[in-house]
Amino acid sequence: QEQLVESGGGSVQPGGSLKLSCVASGLSFRAYSVGWFRQAPGQEREGVAVIRSDGMIKYYADSVKGRFTISQDNAKNTLYLQMNSLKPEDTAMYYCAASPRSPAYGTLYHLNPDKYNIWGQGTQVTVSS
């Protein structure tokens, strides 16, 4: 059974950093596109960063480019999201997600939550002074 379990969330001051982790079981990153999504209260879920199944192509939302870095460790079947220079608007529940589909489409496709069918339970990130 495919499962994703996130960890690493917490509370941090603006300008601070956090590193999220997502451990996968029942699936291989080599066959899935995997990524991070977030949802703030009253807002729709949005894509943050995704790695395609080839492990080479990465997609980022404009709002996090230059501040967040997505990476994966295939040996540990673990996905990471390093978040630096955090802002209050980054406050949200962060989810890890996976999809067996990994077409050669662009950012809009890969950051669309509707394209992902395997989800973790989420980890809360709060950025506040």
Protein backbone atom coordinates (compact mmCIF):
# COMPACT_ATOMS: atom_id res chain seq x y z
CA GLN A 1 0.00 0.00 0.00
CA GLU A 2 1.34 3.40 -0.99
CA GLN A 3 1.87 5.76 1.91
CA LEU A 4 3.48 9.15 2.50
CA VAL A 5 4.35 10.48 5.96
CA GLU A 6 5.47 14.08 6.45
CA SER A 7 7.42 15.57 9.33
CA GLY A 8 9.47 18.64 10.17
CA GLY A 9 6.83 21.31 10.46
CA GLY A 10 6.73 23.81 13.30
CA SER A 11 6.70 27.45 14.27
CA VAL A 12 9.43 29.83 13.14
CA GLN A 13 10.00 33.57 13.01
CA PRO A 14 10.05 35.45 9.68
CA GLY A 15 13.39 34.98 7.99
CA GLY A 16 13.90 31.60 9.60
CA SER A 17 14.29 28.15 8.06
CA LEU A 18 12.65 24.75 8.27
CA LYS A 19 13.27 21.45 6.51
CA LEU A 20 10.34 19.17 5.79
CA SER A 21 10.69 15.44 5.18
CA CYS A 22 8.35 12.96 3.52
CA VAL A 23 9.02 9.23 3.83
CA ALA A 24 7.39 7.09 1.17
CA SER A 25 6.49 3.42 1.39
CA GLY A 26 4.94 1.18 -1.24
CA LEU A 27 6.21 3.31 -4.11
CA SER A 28 9.49 4.22 -5.75
CA PHE A 29 10.48 7.78 -6.56
CA ARG A 30 11.94 6.48 -9.81
CA ALA A 31 8.42 5.78 -11.07
CA TYR A 32 6.52 8.69 -9.51
CA SER A 33 6.51 12.45 -9.66
CA VAL A 34 6.58 13.68 -6.08
CA GLY A 35 6.15 17.09 -4.60
CA TRP A 36 5.05 19.48 -1.91
CA PHE A 37 1.76 21.30 -1.76
CA ARG A 38 0.29 23.64 0.83
CA GLN A 39 -3.08 24.89 1.96
CA ALA A 40 -3.72 27.91 4.13
CA PRO A 41 -7.04 28.36 5.99
CA GLY A 42 -9.77 29.48 3.61
CA GLN A 43 -7.59 29.02 0.54
CA GLU A 44 -7.25 26.37 -2.13
CA ARG A 45 -4.43 23.87 -2.05
CA GLU A 46 -1.52 25.01 -4.20
CA GLY A 47 1.63 23.46 -5.59
CA VAL A 48 4.93 24.51 -4.04
CA ALA A 49 7.62 22.31 -5.60
CA VAL A 50 7.69 19.06 -7.56
CA ILE A 51 10.36 16.66 -8.85
CA ARG A 52 9.53 14.61 -11.93
CA SER A 53 10.11 10.86 -11.85
CA ASP A 54 13.37 11.25 -13.76
CA GLY A 55 14.71 13.09 -10.73
CA MET A 56 16.16 15.76 -12.96
CA ILE A 57 13.36 18.23 -13.63
CA LYS A 58 12.11 20.38 -10.78
CA TYR A 59 9.22 22.81 -10.74
CA TYR A 60 8.70 25.65 -8.28
CA ALA A 61 5.89 28.09 -7.62
CA ASP A 62 6.98 31.66 -8.33
CA SER A 63 6.27 32.60 -4.72
CA VAL A 64 8.99 30.25 -3.41
CA LYS A 65 11.66 30.38 -6.11
CA GLY A 66 15.05 31.21 -4.66
CA ARG A 67 13.88 30.43 -1.12
CA PHE A 68 12.74 26.79 -1.19
CA THR A 69 14.64 23.77 -2.49
CA ILE A 70 13.14 20.36 -3.19
CA SER A 71 15.33 17.27 -3.13
CA GLN A 72 15.04 13.52 -2.74
CA ASP A 73 17.09 10.62 -1.43
CA ASN A 74 16.14 7.53 -3.43
CA ALA A 75 18.05 5.21 -1.11
CA LYS A 76 15.94 6.41 1.82
CA ASN A 77 12.79 6.91 -0.26
CA THR A 78 12.56 10.34 1.32
CA LEU A 79 11.55 13.68 -0.15
CA TYR A 80 12.72 16.96 1.37
CA LEU A 81 11.76 20.61 1.23
CA GLN A 82 14.34 23.06 2.53
CA MET A 83 12.58 26.34 3.28
CA ASN A 84 14.67 29.46 3.86
CA SER A 85 13.78 33.12 4.33
CA LEU A 86 10.33 32.13 5.48
CA LYS A 87 7.55 34.71 5.35
CA PRO A 88 4.23 34.89 7.23
CA GLU A 89 2.45 34.13 3.94
CA ASP A 90 4.19 30.74 3.89
CA THR A 91 2.05 29.70 6.85
CA ALA A 92 0.01 26.67 5.82
CA MET A 93 -0.45 22.94 6.14
CA TYR A 94 2.17 21.34 3.91
CA TYR A 95 1.43 18.08 2.16
CA CYS A 96 3.58 15.58 0.31
CA ALA A 97 1.98 14.02 -2.78
CA ALA A 98 2.85 11.55 -5.53
CA SER A 99 1.60 10.64 -8.97
CA PRO A 100 2.54 7.74 -11.26
CA ARG A 101 2.06 10.07 -14.22
CA SER A 102 5.05 12.18 -15.19
CA PRO A 103 4.49 13.65 -18.64
CA ALA A 104 6.85 16.15 -20.19
CA TYR A 105 4.50 19.04 -19.50
CA GLY A 106 5.30 22.31 -17.82
CA THR A 107 5.02 23.91 -14.42
CA LEU A 108 1.27 24.49 -14.46
CA TYR A 109 0.61 20.78 -14.96
CA HIS A 110 3.04 19.48 -12.38
CA LEU A 111 2.04 21.98 -9.67
CA ASN A 112 -1.66 21.20 -10.11
CA PRO A 113 -2.86 19.27 -7.01
CA ASP A 114 -5.57 17.56 -9.10
CA LYS A 115 -2.86 15.57 -10.91
CA TYR A 116 -1.82 13.75 -7.70
CA ASN A 117 -3.65 10.79 -6.20
CA ILE A 118 -1.44 9.82 -3.24
CA TRP A 119 -1.30 12.21 -0.30
CA GLY A 120 0.25 12.40 3.14
CA GLN A 121 -1.53 13.66 6.23
CA GLY A 122 0.27 17.01 6.26
CA THR A 123 2.57 18.93 8.58
CA GLN A 124 1.84 22.45 9.85
CA VAL A 125 4.20 25.34 9.18
CA THR A 126 3.59 28.61 11.02
CA VAL A 127 5.67 31.71 10.37
CA SER A 128 5.02 34.43 12.89
CA SER A 129 6.85 36.94 15.04
